[in-house]
Amino acid sequence: MNKLLLLASIILSTSLYSQQNIHFGRAGYFFDFIELSFEMEDKPNGKFHLIKFDTITVTDKKGNLLIDNHNVYNIYRRANILARYEAPKEKLKSVNAQGVIKYFQPSRENNSYFILGKVKDLKKDVNLIDKSLAKSQGLYFGLVSVESANKIFKDFINHKANQDKKIDFNEYDLMMAKTNDKEHDIIPVVPTIDDGLDFSYNNVTVKDPKTGIIYTFYKIKQSMTAEERGNIPLELFIENEESVQKIPFDFKNFQVKQ
């Protein structure tokens, strides 16, 4: 009888840790926070297979909610996705995690993948999203000129890495502006660099409080020539309902490494 109970417990534990093709990679203490890692099992790697959280709730064994420490941006990633929570006063041995993960597969057929062309052939300070899509959804994506950046952010001070200095927009290799909403995440892609995503080694992101437009300034190489900048190929992913699969997960008593 005890052997049967033990076997049932193992089967139940295995199903909880990998149901709906979502794998709970690990949970552990890091300094003053707890970090949880998730990924899709057997998910093809590459820029056309992206995941992020739609919703996530993490509790201790008593059902108390853990507090998000807001140090991880919930953006689409190719591999694993992370969630971080403030470490409670009492050390946790296990956690429960429940929610939904979005699996985004951009494609031309679903109107979520667009080849824009080389930077030198694209106009700046205009909406590069297809007119019909931009008009119906109210979306915007465009390249930003140095002149526009200086005008919009003339008083902006860069506090990144404690530099506390005014931005020189001429230092950046690529400057982009976009709008996002809950149904449409816009992701620029440079396909020749690291599969297109996370292609910058140093960037600054700023939101214009007047318009709500998000501006990102990218530094791709230490010394990129004007010719190289012009030849950067640019693609675009635009999240939509047709390209996203929502996968629920519910993990119980997942061990936290001390």
C-alpha atoms as a PDB file:
ATOM      1  CA  MET A   1       0.000   0.000   0.000  1.00  0.00           C
ATOM      2  CA  ASN A   2       2.799   2.411   0.914  1.00  0.00           C
ATOM      3  CA  LYS A   3       4.572   1.603  -2.356  1.00  0.00           C
ATOM      4  CA  LEU A   4       1.386   2.405  -4.299  1.00  0.00           C
ATOM      5  CA  LEU A   5       1.016   5.748  -2.500  1.00  0.00           C
ATOM      6  CA  LEU A   6       4.657   6.556  -3.199  1.00  0.00           C
ATOM      7  CA  LEU A   7       4.241   5.709  -6.905  1.00  0.00           C
ATOM      8  CA  ALA A   8       1.088   7.820  -7.141  1.00  0.00           C
ATOM      9  CA  SER A   9       2.882  10.708  -5.478  1.00  0.00           C
ATOM     10  CA  ILE A  10       5.767  10.528  -7.988  1.00  0.00           C
ATOM     11  CA  ILE A  11       3.378  10.412 -10.973  1.00  0.00           C
ATOM     12  CA  LEU A  12       1.391  13.373  -9.634  1.00  0.00           C
ATOM     13  CA  SER A  13       4.566  15.373  -8.973  1.00  0.00           C
ATOM     14  CA  THR A  14       5.873  14.696 -12.493  1.00  0.00           C
ATOM     15  CA  SER A  15       2.597  15.799 -14.119  1.00  0.00           C
ATOM     16  CA  LEU A  16       2.500  18.991 -12.083  1.00  0.00           C
ATOM     17  CA  TYR A  17       6.043  19.935 -13.023  1.00  0.00           C
ATOM     18  CA  SER A  18       5.533  19.622 -16.777  1.00  0.00           C
ATOM     19  CA  GLN A  19       1.871  19.966 -17.644  1.00  0.00           C
ATOM     20  CA  GLN A  20       0.700  21.747 -20.816  1.00  0.00           C
ATOM     21  CA  ASN A  21       4.269  21.634 -22.224  1.00  0.00           C
ATOM     22  CA  ILE A  22       5.471  24.269 -19.747  1.00  0.00           C
ATOM     23  CA  HIS A  23       8.537  23.383 -17.715  1.00  0.00           C
ATOM     24  CA  PHE A  24       9.302  25.019 -14.364  1.00  0.00           C
ATOM     25  CA  GLY A  25      13.070  25.214 -14.672  1.00  0.00           C
ATOM     26  CA  ARG A  26      14.139  26.310 -11.190  1.00  0.00           C
ATOM     27  CA  ALA A  27      13.487  28.535  -8.204  1.00  0.00           C
ATOM     28  CA  GLY A  28      16.202  29.902  -5.970  1.00  0.00           C
ATOM     29  CA  TYR A  29      17.387  32.681  -3.703  1.00  0.00           C
ATOM     30  CA  PHE A  30      19.572  35.424  -5.196  1.00  0.00           C
ATOM     31  CA  PHE A  31      20.646  38.147  -2.781  1.00  0.00           C
ATOM     32  CA  ASP A  32      17.359  39.658  -1.530  1.00  0.00           C
ATOM     33  CA  PHE A  33      14.965  38.130  -4.078  1.00  0.00           C
ATOM     34  CA  ILE A  34      13.625  34.788  -5.290  1.00  0.00           C
ATOM     35  CA  GLU A  35      13.947  34.019  -8.990  1.00  0.00           C
ATOM     36  CA  LEU A  36      11.748  31.566 -10.915  1.00  0.00           C
ATOM     37  CA  SER A  37      12.566  30.270 -14.382  1.00  0.00           C
ATOM     38  CA  PHE A  38      10.128  28.815 -16.936  1.00  0.00           C
ATOM     39  CA  GLU A  39      10.419  27.471 -20.458  1.00  0.00           C
ATOM     40  CA  MET A  40       8.457  25.462 -23.005  1.00  0.00           C
ATOM     41  CA  GLU A  41       9.448  21.846 -23.326  1.00  0.00           C
ATOM     42  CA  ASP A  42      10.811  20.860 -26.753  1.00  0.00           C
ATOM     43  CA  LYS A  43      10.237  24.409 -27.996  1.00  0.00           C
ATOM     44  CA  PRO A  44      12.077  25.062 -31.276  1.00  0.00           C
ATOM     45  CA  ASN A  45      14.799  27.654 -30.807  1.00  0.00           C
ATOM     46  CA  GLY A  46      15.005  30.735 -33.013  1.00  0.00           C
ATOM     47  CA  LYS A  47      13.493  34.135 -33.597  1.00  0.00           C
ATOM     48  CA  PHE A  48      10.102  32.756 -34.719  1.00  0.00           C
ATOM     49  CA  HIS A  49       9.400  31.023 -31.403  1.00  0.00           C
ATOM     50  CA  LEU A  50       8.915  33.456 -28.514  1.00  0.00           C
ATOM     51  CA  ILE A  51       7.383  33.232 -25.045  1.00  0.00           C
ATOM     52  CA  LYS A  52       6.391  35.600 -22.245  1.00  0.00           C
ATOM     53  CA  PHE A  53       3.994  35.693 -19.296  1.00  0.00           C
ATOM     54  CA  ASP A  54       0.379  36.595 -19.861  1.00  0.00           C
ATOM     55  CA  THR A  55      -0.379  36.179 -16.145  1.00  0.00           C
ATOM     56  CA  ILE A  56       1.509  34.698 -13.191  1.00  0.00           C
ATOM     57  CA  THR A  57       0.705  34.337  -9.486  1.00  0.00           C
ATOM     58  CA  VAL A  58       3.238  32.923  -7.013  1.00  0.00           C
ATOM     59  CA  THR A  59       2.369  31.918  -3.439  1.00  0.00           C
ATOM     60  CA  ASP A  60       4.004  30.207  -0.482  1.00  0.00           C
ATOM     61  CA  LYS A  61       2.680  26.963   1.046  1.00  0.00           C
ATOM     62  CA  LYS A  62       0.158  28.935   3.146  1.00  0.00           C
ATOM     63  CA  GLY A  63      -1.267  30.687   0.117  1.00  0.00           C
ATOM     64  CA  ASN A  64       0.358  34.076   0.801  1.00  0.00           C
ATOM     65  CA  LEU A  65       1.157  36.060  -2.351  1.00  0.00           C
ATOM     66  CA  LEU A  66       4.799  36.821  -3.106  1.00  0.00           C
ATOM     67  CA  ILE A  67       5.502  40.447  -4.046  1.00  0.00           C
ATOM     68  CA  ASP A  68       6.923  41.131  -7.522  1.00  0.00           C
ATOM     69  CA  ASN A  69      10.160  43.097  -7.219  1.00  0.00           C
ATOM     70  CA  HIS A  70       9.694  44.616 -10.743  1.00  0.00           C
ATOM     71  CA  ASN A  71      13.312  44.034 -11.755  1.00  0.00           C
ATOM     72  CA  VAL A  72      12.488  41.859 -14.773  1.00  0.00           C
ATOM     73  CA  TYR A  73      10.739  43.224 -17.870  1.00  0.00           C
ATOM     74  CA  ASN A  74       7.958  40.964 -19.125  1.00  0.00           C
ATOM     75  CA  ILE A  75       9.017  40.822 -22.767  1.00  0.00           C
ATOM     76  CA  TYR A  76       9.079  38.083 -25.384  1.00  0.00           C
ATOM     77  CA  ARG A  77      12.189  35.888 -25.210  1.00  0.00           C
ATOM     78  CA  ARG A  78      13.451  32.907 -27.196  1.00  0.00           C
ATOM     79  CA  ALA A  79      14.505  30.616 -24.375  1.00  0.00           C
ATOM     80  CA  ASN A  80      13.516  30.787 -20.725  1.00  0.00           C
ATOM     81  CA  ILE A  81      11.549  33.572 -19.047  1.00  0.00           C
ATOM     82  CA  LEU A  82      12.108  34.814 -15.508  1.00  0.00           C
ATOM     83  CA  ALA A  83      10.011  36.146 -12.643  1.00  0.00           C
ATOM     84  CA  ARG A  84      11.466  37.713  -9.498  1.00  0.00           C
ATOM     85  CA  TYR A  85       9.859  38.269  -6.109  1.00  0.00           C
ATOM     86  CA  GLU A  86      10.855  39.921  -2.884  1.00  0.00           C
ATOM     87  CA  ALA A  87      12.222  37.387  -0.405  1.00  0.00           C
ATOM     88  CA  PRO A  88       9.889  37.005   2.612  1.00  0.00           C
ATOM     89  CA  LYS A  89      11.306  37.250   6.129  1.00  0.00           C
ATOM     90  CA  GLU A  90      10.753  33.535   6.617  1.00  0.00           C
ATOM     91  CA  LYS A  91      12.878  31.362   4.319  1.00  0.00           C
ATOM     92  CA  LEU A  92      10.745  29.479   1.812  1.00  0.00           C
ATOM     93  CA  LYS A  93      11.355  25.830   1.025  1.00  0.00           C
ATOM     94  CA  SER A  94       8.758  25.653  -1.752  1.00  0.00           C
ATOM     95  CA  VAL A  95       6.471  27.838  -3.862  1.00  0.00           C
ATOM     96  CA  ASN A  96       3.332  27.470  -5.973  1.00  0.00           C
ATOM     97  CA  ALA A  97       3.084  29.141  -9.379  1.00  0.00           C
ATOM     98  CA  GLN A  98      -0.023  29.514 -11.531  1.00  0.00           C
ATOM     99  CA  GLY A  99      -0.749  31.489 -14.664  1.00  0.00           C
ATOM    100  CA  VAL A 100      -0.660  31.595 -18.466  1.00  0.00           C
ATOM    101  CA  ILE A 101       2.258  31.820 -20.891  1.00  0.00           C
ATOM    102  CA  LYS A 102       1.962  33.319 -24.373  1.00  0.00           C
ATOM    103  CA  TYR A 103       3.658  31.403 -27.192  1.00  0.00           C
ATOM    104  CA  PHE A 104       4.169  33.787 -30.126  1.00  0.00           C
ATOM    105  CA  GLN A 105       4.955  32.427 -33.610  1.00  0.00           C
ATOM    106  CA  PRO A 106       5.271  35.367 -36.022  1.00  0.00           C
ATOM    107  CA  SER A 107       4.421  34.620 -39.653  1.00  0.00           C
ATOM    108  CA  ARG A 108       3.523  36.425 -42.871  1.00  0.00           C
ATOM    109  CA  GLU A 109       0.391  34.313 -43.174  1.00  0.00           C
ATOM    110  CA  ASN A 110      -0.914  35.631 -39.853  1.00  0.00           C
ATOM    111  CA  ASN A 111       0.093  39.206 -40.645  1.00  0.00           C
ATOM    112  CA  SER A 112       2.602  39.338 -37.779  1.00  0.00           C
ATOM    113  CA  TYR A 113       5.959  39.204 -39.625  1.00  0.00           C
ATOM    114  CA  PHE A 114       7.189  42.003 -41.901  1.00  0.00           C
ATOM    115  CA  ILE A 115      10.449  42.557 -43.813  1.00  0.00           C
ATOM    116  CA  LEU A 116      11.049  46.310 -43.817  1.00  0.00           C
ATOM    117  CA  GLY A 117      14.371  46.386 -45.686  1.00  0.00           C
ATOM    118  CA  LYS A 118      17.718  48.067 -45.075  1.00  0.00           C
ATOM    119  CA  VAL A 119      17.871  51.106 -42.818  1.00  0.00           C
ATOM    120  CA  LYS A 120      19.301  53.317 -45.592  1.00  0.00           C
ATOM    121  CA  ASP A 121      16.196  52.696 -47.703  1.00  0.00           C
ATOM    122  CA  LEU A 122      13.686  53.498 -44.948  1.00  0.00           C
ATOM    123  CA  LYS A 123      12.312  56.938 -44.170  1.00  0.00           C
ATOM    124  CA  LYS A 124      12.769  58.302 -40.672  1.00  0.00           C
ATOM    125  CA  ASP A 125      10.171  59.899 -38.396  1.00  0.00           C
ATOM    126  CA  VAL A 126       7.298  58.176 -40.244  1.00  0.00           C
ATOM    127  CA  ASN A 127       5.151  55.141 -39.446  1.00  0.00           C
ATOM    128  CA  LEU A 128       6.672  52.090 -41.155  1.00  0.00           C
ATOM    129  CA  ILE A 129       3.768  49.787 -40.259  1.00  0.00           C
ATOM    130  CA  ASP A 130       1.435  48.871 -43.114  1.00  0.00           C
ATOM    131  CA  LYS A 131      -1.152  51.649 -43.433  1.00  0.00           C
ATOM    132  CA  SER A 132      -4.203  49.401 -43.144  1.00  0.00           C
ATOM    133  CA  LEU A 133      -2.852  47.737 -40.009  1.00  0.00           C
ATOM    134  CA  ALA A 134      -1.668  50.982 -38.448  1.00  0.00           C
ATOM    135  CA  LYS A 135      -5.006  52.668 -39.076  1.00  0.00           C
ATOM    136  CA  SER A 136      -7.188  49.845 -37.756  1.00  0.00           C
ATOM    137  CA  GLN A 137      -5.045  49.075 -34.709  1.00  0.00           C
ATOM    138  CA  GLY A 138      -3.574  52.505 -33.949  1.00  0.00           C
ATOM    139  CA  LEU A 139      -0.017  51.131 -33.984  1.00  0.00           C
ATOM    140  CA  TYR A 140       3.221  52.981 -34.665  1.00  0.00           C
ATOM    141  CA  PHE A 141       6.786  51.936 -35.423  1.00  0.00           C
ATOM    142  CA  GLY A 142       9.447  54.124 -36.979  1.00  0.00           C
ATOM    143  CA  LEU A 143      13.104  55.027 -37.175  1.00  0.00           C
ATOM    144  CA  VAL A 144      14.077  58.215 -35.369  1.00  0.00           C
ATOM    145  CA  SER A 145      16.360  60.913 -36.743  1.00  0.00           C
ATOM    146  CA  VAL A 146      18.971  62.641 -34.597  1.00  0.00           C
ATOM    147  CA  GLU A 147      17.137  65.930 -35.163  1.00  0.00           C
ATOM    148  CA  SER A 148      13.836  64.554 -33.833  1.00  0.00           C
ATOM    149  CA  ALA A 149      15.506  62.897 -30.863  1.00  0.00           C
ATOM    150  CA  ASN A 150      17.231  66.148 -29.905  1.00  0.00           C
ATOM    151  CA  LYS A 151      13.944  68.031 -30.165  1.00  0.00           C
ATOM    152  CA  ILE A 152      11.857  65.552 -28.152  1.00  0.00           C
ATOM    153  CA  PHE A 153      14.464  64.830 -25.465  1.00  0.00           C
ATOM    154  CA  LYS A 154      16.411  68.077 -25.369  1.00  0.00           C
ATOM    155  CA  ASP A 155      16.550  68.052 -21.566  1.00  0.00           C
ATOM    156  CA  PHE A 156      16.898  64.299 -21.048  1.00  0.00           C
ATOM    157  CA  ILE A 157      19.705  63.136 -18.771  1.00  0.00           C
ATOM    158  CA  ASN A 158      20.964  59.551 -18.994  1.00  0.00           C
ATOM    159  CA  HIS A 159      21.145  58.060 -15.496  1.00  0.00           C
ATOM    160  CA  LYS A 160      22.145  54.614 -16.749  1.00  0.00           C
ATOM    161  CA  ALA A 161      25.219  53.175 -15.015  1.00  0.00           C
ATOM    162  CA  ASN A 162      25.362  56.342 -12.904  1.00  0.00           C
ATOM    163  CA  GLN A 163      26.643  58.351 -15.846  1.00  0.00           C
ATOM    164  CA  ASP A 164      24.287  61.288 -15.239  1.00  0.00           C
ATOM    165  CA  LYS A 165      25.036  62.990 -18.516  1.00  0.00           C
ATOM    166  CA  LYS A 166      23.048  64.361 -21.409  1.00  0.00           C
ATOM    167  CA  ILE A 167      22.560  61.906 -24.249  1.00  0.00           C
ATOM    168  CA  ASP A 168      24.475  62.427 -27.487  1.00  0.00           C
ATOM    169  CA  PHE A 169      22.146  60.782 -29.980  1.00  0.00           C
ATOM    170  CA  ASN A 170      24.879  60.723 -32.617  1.00  0.00           C
ATOM    171  CA  GLU A 171      26.562  57.963 -30.584  1.00  0.00           C
ATOM    172  CA  TYR A 172      23.767  55.466 -31.279  1.00  0.00           C
ATOM    173  CA  ASP A 173      23.667  53.138 -34.273  1.00  0.00           C
ATOM    174  CA  LEU A 174      19.901  52.759 -34.392  1.00  0.00           C
ATOM    175  CA  MET A 175      17.029  54.743 -32.871  1.00  0.00           C
ATOM    176  CA  MET A 176      13.455  53.482 -32.923  1.00  0.00           C
ATOM    177  CA  ALA A 177      10.035  54.584 -31.713  1.00  0.00           C
ATOM    178  CA  LYS A 178       6.967  52.415 -31.156  1.00  0.00           C
ATOM    179  CA  THR A 179       3.634  52.060 -29.422  1.00  0.00           C
ATOM    180  CA  ASN A 180       2.508  48.900 -27.644  1.00  0.00           C
ATOM    181  CA  ASP A 181      -0.796  47.768 -26.190  1.00  0.00           C
ATOM    182  CA  LYS A 182      -2.024  44.605 -24.454  1.00  0.00           C
ATOM    183  CA  GLU A 183      -2.870  42.857 -27.736  1.00  0.00           C
ATOM    184  CA  HIS A 184       0.013  44.053 -29.932  1.00  0.00           C
ATOM    185  CA  ASP A 185       3.630  43.885 -28.817  1.00  0.00           C
ATOM    186  CA  ILE A 186       5.928  45.336 -31.496  1.00  0.00           C
ATOM    187  CA  ILE A 187       9.380  43.708 -31.724  1.00  0.00           C
ATOM    188  CA  PRO A 188      12.111  45.056 -34.030  1.00  0.00           C
ATOM    189  CA  VAL A 189      14.447  42.392 -35.426  1.00  0.00           C
ATOM    190  CA  VAL A 190      17.943  42.664 -36.898  1.00  0.00           C
ATOM    191  CA  PRO A 191      18.226  39.206 -38.511  1.00  0.00           C
ATOM    192  CA  THR A 192      21.997  39.215 -39.118  1.00  0.00           C
ATOM    193  CA  ILE A 193      22.860  39.808 -35.460  1.00  0.00           C
ATOM    194  CA  ASP A 194      22.281  37.084 -32.833  1.00  0.00           C
ATOM    195  CA  ASP A 195      19.141  35.806 -34.574  1.00  0.00           C
ATOM    196  CA  GLY A 196      17.709  39.290 -34.494  1.00  0.00           C
ATOM    197  CA  LEU A 197      16.660  39.701 -30.881  1.00  0.00           C
ATOM    198  CA  ASP A 198      18.647  41.390 -28.100  1.00  0.00           C
ATOM    199  CA  PHE A 199      20.932  42.809 -30.769  1.00  0.00           C
ATOM    200  CA  SER A 200      22.300  45.733 -28.786  1.00  0.00           C
ATOM    201  CA  TYR A 201      25.088  45.662 -26.222  1.00  0.00           C
ATOM    202  CA  ASN A 202      24.066  49.033 -24.804  1.00  0.00           C
ATOM    203  CA  ASN A 203      20.717  50.758 -25.108  1.00  0.00           C
ATOM    204  CA  VAL A 204      18.519  53.358 -23.473  1.00  0.00           C
ATOM    205  CA  THR A 205      14.701  53.211 -23.464  1.00  0.00           C
ATOM    206  CA  VAL A 206      12.604  56.286 -22.736  1.00  0.00           C
ATOM    207  CA  LYS A 207       8.858  56.892 -22.852  1.00  0.00           C
ATOM    208  CA  ASP A 208       7.588  60.263 -24.011  1.00  0.00           C
ATOM    209  CA  PRO A 209       5.000  61.257 -21.355  1.00  0.00           C
ATOM    210  CA  LYS A 210       3.176  63.512 -23.831  1.00  0.00           C
ATOM    211  CA  THR A 211       2.538  60.918 -26.547  1.00  0.00           C
ATOM    212  CA  GLY A 212       3.108  57.593 -24.773  1.00  0.00           C
ATOM    213  CA  ILE A 213       5.529  56.576 -27.541  1.00  0.00           C
ATOM    214  CA  ILE A 214       8.447  54.400 -26.423  1.00  0.00           C
ATOM    215  CA  TYR A 215      11.873  55.373 -27.802  1.00  0.00           C
ATOM    216  CA  THR A 216      14.853  53.022 -27.749  1.00  0.00           C
ATOM    217  CA  PHE A 217      18.391  54.047 -28.665  1.00  0.00           C
ATOM    218  CA  TYR A 218      20.681  51.143 -29.621  1.00  0.00           C
ATOM    219  CA  LYS A 219      24.440  50.803 -29.689  1.00  0.00           C
ATOM    220  CA  ILE A 220      25.233  47.748 -31.791  1.00  0.00           C
ATOM    221  CA  LYS A 221      29.010  47.998 -32.244  1.00  0.00           C
ATOM    222  CA  GLN A 222      31.776  49.936 -30.542  1.00  0.00           C
ATOM    223  CA  SER A 223      32.626  51.780 -33.753  1.00  0.00           C
ATOM    224  CA  MET A 224      30.002  51.304 -36.460  1.00  0.00           C
ATOM    225  CA  THR A 225      30.508  53.209 -39.703  1.00  0.00           C
ATOM    226  CA  ALA A 226      27.776  55.179 -41.478  1.00  0.00           C
ATOM    227  CA  GLU A 227      27.809  52.588 -44.275  1.00  0.00           C
ATOM    228  CA  GLU A 228      27.314  49.741 -41.811  1.00  0.00           C
ATOM    229  CA  ARG A 229      24.416  51.583 -40.174  1.00  0.00           C
ATOM    230  CA  GLY A 230      22.753  52.066 -43.536  1.00  0.00           C
ATOM    231  CA  ASN A 231      23.068  48.384 -44.411  1.00  0.00           C
ATOM    232  CA  ILE A 232      21.398  47.127 -41.220  1.00  0.00           C
ATOM    233  CA  PRO A 233      18.486  44.886 -42.310  1.00  0.00           C
ATOM    234  CA  LEU A 234      15.324  45.431 -40.335  1.00  0.00           C
ATOM    235  CA  GLU A 235      12.320  43.164 -39.774  1.00  0.00           C
ATOM    236  CA  LEU A 236       9.294  43.547 -37.540  1.00  0.00           C
ATOM    237  CA  PHE A 237       7.142  41.237 -35.426  1.00  0.00           C
ATOM    238  CA  ILE A 238       3.691  42.492 -34.455  1.00  0.00           C
ATOM    239  CA  GLU A 239       1.865  40.335 -31.926  1.00  0.00           C
ATOM    240  CA  ASN A 240      -1.729  39.508 -32.774  1.00  0.00           C
ATOM    241  CA  GLU A 241      -4.340  36.989 -31.678  1.00  0.00           C
ATOM    242  CA  GLU A 242      -3.823  34.730 -34.697  1.00  0.00           C
ATOM    243  CA  SER A 243      -0.126  34.236 -33.918  1.00  0.00           C
ATOM    244  CA  VAL A 244      -0.338  33.603 -30.177  1.00  0.00           C
ATOM    245  CA  GLN A 245      -1.174  30.423 -28.289  1.00  0.00           C
ATOM    246  CA  LYS A 246      -1.982  30.776 -24.589  1.00  0.00           C
ATOM    247  CA  ILE A 247      -0.719  27.912 -22.429  1.00  0.00           C
ATOM    248  CA  PRO A 248      -1.824  27.628 -18.768  1.00  0.00           C
ATOM    249  CA  PHE A 249       0.431  26.272 -16.039  1.00  0.00           C
ATOM    250  CA  ASP A 250      -0.137  25.308 -12.407  1.00  0.00           C
ATOM    251  CA  PHE A 251       2.804  24.060 -10.351  1.00  0.00           C
ATOM    252  CA  LYS A 252       2.547  23.013  -6.708  1.00  0.00           C
ATOM    253  CA  ASN A 253       5.240  22.718  -4.039  1.00  0.00           C
ATOM    254  CA  PHE A 254       8.177  23.491  -6.319  1.00  0.00           C
ATOM    255  CA  GLN A 255      11.403  23.354  -4.290  1.00  0.00           C
ATOM    256  CA  VAL A 256      13.330  26.611  -3.746  1.00  0.00           C
ATOM    257  CA  LYS A 257      17.104  26.223  -3.755  1.00  0.00           C
ATOM    258  CA  GLN A 258      18.714  27.979  -0.800  1.00  0.00           C
END
